[in-house]
Amino acid sequence: MQNLNDGKKDDQLTQSKPFVSVFIAEDHEVTRFGIRAVIESNSDFKLVGEAADGKLAYRDILALNPNVVLMDIGLPSIDGIELSRRVKSAAPQIKILVFTSRESSDQILAAFAAGADGYCLKEASNSQLHIAIKTVADGGVWLHPAIARVLVARCIGPAGQSGQTNLVQHIPYEVLSVREHEVLRLIVDGLSNQEIAERLVVSLDTVKTHVRHIFEKLAVNDRTQAALKAVRAGWVG
């Protein structure tokens, strides 16, 4: 005989599925609409609120306690950098992913100094934004590949200055195969594994294997670290 509680158990399992709660702080209505669509397209995420004004965002963020805040820098009343600082001071458990079109080194460094956990450009693909949100929600740091280049240029300077080129261990170019270098360049350009597979006309599993080998050979744990090493080593421009 069928257990009448089976359906209730299934409902409870569905309801108890963990998700990442997200708050959008963005003053541009069309952009906010697009972000909302990206968030709602992923069942791992749940949009819990949004605001177009820094003061309102601060009030609602503290009230809703989201896992991740997507933070634009150019908010009215309180800009995104100051708002990040206030949120982190009041609720350090909340993760902040800066989501902006601004990529000057001063603003990037100011955002991280204010407590940001990641920095994503609005040119990012949907899959990149999904990865960025999940990464910061899990306690990691996510950088858009283009931002990695900016930070490297700012933090280590041109080759030959103050011996800072030694910040990267000397990794011979030949440590990676020709195909692995191709994959690494596409990682630096911000492509997902699926996009790399389509670009190189290979299977997704083949790309995953190349990525795993790249991580092993460069002694890194994620794509951002791999991109940083590639830029620092001068393998990509």
Protein backbone atom coordinates (compact mmCIF):
# COMPACT_ATOMS: atom_id res chain seq x y z
CA MET A 1 0.00 0.00 0.00
CA GLN A 2 1.32 3.47 -0.90
CA ASN A 3 2.54 5.57 1.98
CA LEU A 4 0.45 8.75 1.96
CA ASN A 5 3.34 10.60 3.54
CA ASP A 6 5.62 10.02 0.54
CA GLY A 7 4.29 13.08 -1.25
CA LYS A 8 4.80 15.21 1.85
CA LYS A 9 8.37 13.97 2.15
CA ASP A 10 9.05 14.88 -1.47
CA ASP A 11 7.61 18.35 -0.88
CA GLN A 12 9.77 18.79 2.20
CA LEU A 13 12.88 17.75 0.28
CA THR A 14 12.04 20.22 -2.48
CA GLN A 15 11.38 23.01 -0.03
CA SER A 16 14.55 22.29 1.93
CA LYS A 17 16.80 22.45 -1.15
CA PRO A 18 19.48 25.02 -0.32
CA PHE A 19 19.63 28.12 -2.47
CA VAL A 20 21.66 31.30 -2.60
CA SER A 21 19.56 34.34 -1.70
CA VAL A 22 20.49 37.38 -3.79
CA PHE A 23 19.80 41.10 -3.43
CA ILE A 24 20.30 43.53 -6.34
CA ALA A 25 21.54 47.06 -5.66
CA GLU A 26 21.34 48.74 -9.07
CA ASP A 27 19.91 52.11 -10.06
CA HIS A 28 19.46 51.44 -13.78
CA GLU A 29 16.03 49.91 -14.33
CA VAL A 30 16.81 48.07 -17.58
CA THR A 31 20.01 46.62 -16.13
CA ARG A 32 18.16 45.58 -12.98
CA PHE A 33 15.55 43.82 -15.12
CA GLY A 34 18.28 41.91 -16.96
CA ILE A 35 20.03 40.86 -13.75
CA ARG A 36 16.72 39.73 -12.31
CA ALA A 37 16.15 37.50 -15.34
CA VAL A 38 19.61 35.94 -14.98
CA ILE A 39 19.04 35.26 -11.27
CA GLU A 40 15.62 33.77 -11.81
CA SER A 41 16.91 31.51 -14.61
CA ASN A 42 18.96 29.52 -12.09
CA SER A 43 17.11 27.35 -9.57
CA ASP A 44 20.11 27.55 -7.20
CA PHE A 45 19.40 31.25 -6.67
CA LYS A 46 16.49 33.13 -5.12
CA LEU A 47 16.03 36.86 -5.59
CA VAL A 48 14.94 38.31 -2.24
CA GLY A 49 15.01 42.03 -2.95
CA GLU A 50 16.30 44.92 -5.00
CA ALA A 51 16.81 48.65 -4.65
CA ALA A 52 17.83 51.55 -6.89
CA ASP A 53 19.08 53.78 -4.08
CA GLY A 54 21.97 53.30 -1.65
CA LYS A 55 20.05 54.27 1.48
CA LEU A 56 17.09 52.04 0.66
CA ALA A 57 19.44 49.22 -0.26
CA TYR A 58 21.22 49.44 3.09
CA ARG A 59 17.93 49.27 5.00
CA ASP A 60 16.60 46.34 2.99
CA ILE A 61 19.86 44.38 2.92
CA LEU A 62 20.09 44.38 6.70
CA ALA A 63 16.41 43.44 6.99
CA LEU A 64 16.54 40.62 4.44
CA ASN A 65 20.04 39.30 5.24
CA PRO A 66 20.77 37.88 1.75
CA ASN A 67 23.67 35.55 1.07
CA VAL A 68 24.97 37.75 -1.76
CA VAL A 69 24.48 41.37 -2.76
CA LEU A 70 25.06 42.32 -6.39
CA MET A 71 26.43 45.81 -5.89
CA ASP A 72 26.65 48.53 -8.51
CA ILE A 73 29.21 51.24 -7.73
CA GLY A 74 27.29 54.23 -9.09
CA LEU A 75 24.32 54.21 -6.73
CA PRO A 76 22.63 57.49 -5.71
CA SER A 77 22.63 58.72 -2.08
CA ILE A 78 25.27 56.19 -1.00
CA ASP A 79 27.66 54.84 -3.63
CA GLY A 80 28.36 51.13 -3.89
CA ILE A 81 31.80 51.30 -2.30
CA GLU A 82 30.59 53.13 0.81
CA LEU A 83 27.53 50.91 0.94
CA SER A 84 29.75 47.83 0.82
CA ARG A 85 31.75 49.18 3.74
CA ARG A 86 28.61 49.82 5.81
CA VAL A 87 27.07 46.44 5.02
CA LYS A 88 30.27 44.57 5.89
CA SER A 89 30.58 46.50 9.14
CA ALA A 90 27.00 45.70 10.17
CA ALA A 91 26.69 42.20 8.70
CA PRO A 92 30.08 40.71 7.74
CA GLN A 93 28.50 37.37 6.80
CA ILE A 94 26.83 38.95 3.76
CA LYS A 95 28.90 38.48 0.61
CA ILE A 96 29.26 41.39 -1.80
CA LEU A 97 29.81 40.92 -5.51
CA VAL A 98 30.51 44.23 -7.19
CA PHE A 99 28.70 44.21 -10.54
CA THR A 100 29.63 47.24 -12.56
CA SER A 101 30.95 48.58 -15.85
CA ARG A 102 33.75 50.47 -14.08
CA GLU A 103 37.19 48.91 -14.26
CA SER A 104 39.69 51.53 -13.11
CA SER A 105 42.31 50.14 -10.76
CA ASP A 106 41.50 52.74 -8.09
CA GLN A 107 37.85 51.71 -7.96
CA ILE A 108 38.70 48.00 -7.96
CA LEU A 109 41.12 48.38 -5.06
CA ALA A 110 38.69 50.67 -3.22
CA ALA A 111 35.92 48.07 -3.57
CA PHE A 112 38.05 45.30 -2.11
CA ALA A 113 39.27 47.61 0.65
CA ALA A 114 35.59 48.20 1.49
CA GLY A 115 35.06 44.46 1.86
CA ALA A 116 33.92 43.26 -1.57
CA ASP A 117 34.22 39.51 -2.13
CA GLY A 118 34.24 39.66 -5.90
CA TYR A 119 34.31 42.04 -8.85
CA CYS A 120 32.33 41.27 -11.99
CA LEU A 121 31.93 43.46 -15.07
CA LYS A 122 28.53 43.92 -16.66
CA GLU A 123 29.91 42.53 -19.89
CA ALA A 124 30.05 39.10 -18.22
CA SER A 125 28.06 36.25 -19.71
CA ASN A 126 25.15 34.71 -17.83
CA SER A 127 27.27 31.67 -16.98
CA GLN A 128 30.07 33.88 -15.64
CA LEU A 129 27.63 35.74 -13.41
CA HIS A 130 26.22 32.44 -12.13
CA ILE A 131 29.74 31.23 -11.32
CA ALA A 132 30.66 34.53 -9.68
CA ILE A 133 27.62 34.47 -7.40
CA LYS A 134 28.15 30.84 -6.43
CA THR A 135 31.87 31.43 -5.80
CA VAL A 136 31.43 34.34 -3.39
CA ALA A 137 28.46 32.63 -1.72
CA ASP A 138 30.74 29.67 -1.00
CA GLY A 139 33.34 31.95 0.58
CA GLY A 140 35.64 32.35 -2.41
CA VAL A 141 36.83 35.43 -4.27
CA TRP A 142 35.81 35.97 -7.88
CA LEU A 143 37.45 38.33 -10.34
CA HIS A 144 36.37 38.99 -13.88
CA PRO A 145 39.36 38.01 -16.09
CA ALA A 146 39.70 41.58 -17.39
CA ILE A 147 39.93 42.77 -13.78
CA ALA A 148 42.76 40.31 -13.13
CA ARG A 149 44.80 42.10 -15.80
CA VAL A 150 44.11 45.50 -14.23
CA LEU A 151 45.10 44.31 -10.75
CA VAL A 152 48.27 42.66 -12.00
CA ALA A 153 49.30 45.83 -13.82
CA ARG A 154 48.62 47.89 -10.70
CA CYS A 155 50.06 45.55 -8.09
CA ILE A 156 53.20 44.23 -9.75
CA GLY A 157 53.98 47.01 -12.21
CA PRO A 158 55.90 46.73 -15.49
CA ALA A 159 58.60 44.12 -15.85
CA GLY A 160 61.87 45.09 -14.30
CA GLN A 161 60.55 47.47 -11.66
CA SER A 162 61.77 46.78 -8.13
CA GLY A 163 62.35 43.15 -8.95
CA GLN A 164 58.60 42.59 -8.74
CA THR A 165 58.57 40.22 -11.68
CA ASN A 166 59.83 37.65 -9.18
CA LEU A 167 56.42 37.67 -7.51
CA VAL A 168 55.62 34.87 -9.93
CA GLN A 169 57.70 31.76 -9.81
CA HIS A 170 59.49 31.17 -13.10
CA ILE A 171 57.22 28.75 -14.88
CA PRO A 172 58.60 27.69 -18.27
CA TYR A 173 56.21 28.36 -21.12
CA GLU A 174 56.66 24.78 -22.27
CA VAL A 175 55.13 23.40 -19.06
CA LEU A 176 51.77 23.61 -20.85
CA SER A 177 50.99 21.99 -24.18
CA VAL A 178 49.99 24.08 -27.19
CA ARG A 179 46.35 23.14 -26.66
CA GLU A 180 46.53 23.95 -22.94
CA HIS A 181 47.87 27.40 -23.79
CA GLU A 182 44.92 27.89 -26.14
CA VAL A 183 42.51 26.89 -23.38
CA LEU A 184 44.27 29.13 -20.86
CA ARG A 185 44.02 32.15 -23.16
CA LEU A 186 40.29 31.57 -23.50
CA ILE A 187 40.00 31.27 -19.71
CA VAL A 188 41.70 34.66 -19.40
CA ASP A 189 39.20 36.02 -21.92
CA GLY A 190 36.41 34.88 -19.60
CA LEU A 191 34.95 32.01 -21.60
CA SER A 192 33.17 29.17 -19.82
CA ASN A 193 34.12 25.53 -20.40
CA GLN A 194 31.18 25.12 -22.75
CA GLU A 195 32.13 28.23 -24.71
CA ILE A 196 35.73 27.01 -24.95
CA ALA A 197 34.53 23.65 -26.26
CA GLU A 198 32.48 25.38 -28.94
CA ARG A 199 35.33 27.71 -29.88
CA LEU A 200 37.87 24.89 -30.21
CA VAL A 201 35.36 22.40 -31.64
CA VAL A 202 36.08 19.76 -29.00
CA SER A 203 33.95 18.01 -26.39
CA LEU A 204 33.15 19.54 -23.02
CA ASP A 205 34.89 16.62 -21.29
CA THR A 206 38.06 17.34 -23.29
CA VAL A 207 38.02 20.96 -22.14
CA LYS A 208 37.49 19.90 -18.52
CA THR A 209 40.50 17.60 -18.80
CA HIS A 210 42.66 20.41 -20.20
CA VAL A 211 41.50 22.77 -17.44
CA ARG A 212 42.31 20.19 -14.77
CA HIS A 213 45.81 19.69 -16.22
CA ILE A 214 46.35 23.46 -16.35
CA PHE A 215 45.40 23.78 -12.68
CA GLU A 216 47.73 20.92 -11.74
CA LYS A 217 50.69 22.25 -13.72
CA LEU A 218 50.29 25.83 -12.50
CA ALA A 219 49.52 24.72 -8.92
CA VAL A 220 46.31 26.73 -8.74
CA ASN A 221 42.82 25.94 -7.49
CA ASP A 222 40.59 27.96 -9.78
CA ARG A 223 40.26 29.83 -13.06
CA THR A 224 41.00 33.24 -11.59
CA GLN A 225 44.33 32.08 -10.14
CA ALA A 226 45.21 30.46 -13.47
CA ALA A 227 44.40 33.68 -15.31
CA LEU A 228 46.51 35.71 -12.87
CA LYS A 229 49.50 33.43 -13.36
CA ALA A 230 49.12 33.57 -17.13
CA VAL A 231 49.04 37.36 -17.15
CA ARG A 232 51.88 37.68 -14.64
CA ALA A 233 54.03 35.29 -16.61
CA GLY A 234 53.48 37.36 -19.74
CA TRP A 235 51.81 34.52 -21.63
CA VAL A 236 48.81 36.67 -22.54
CA GLY A 237 48.53 40.37 -23.21
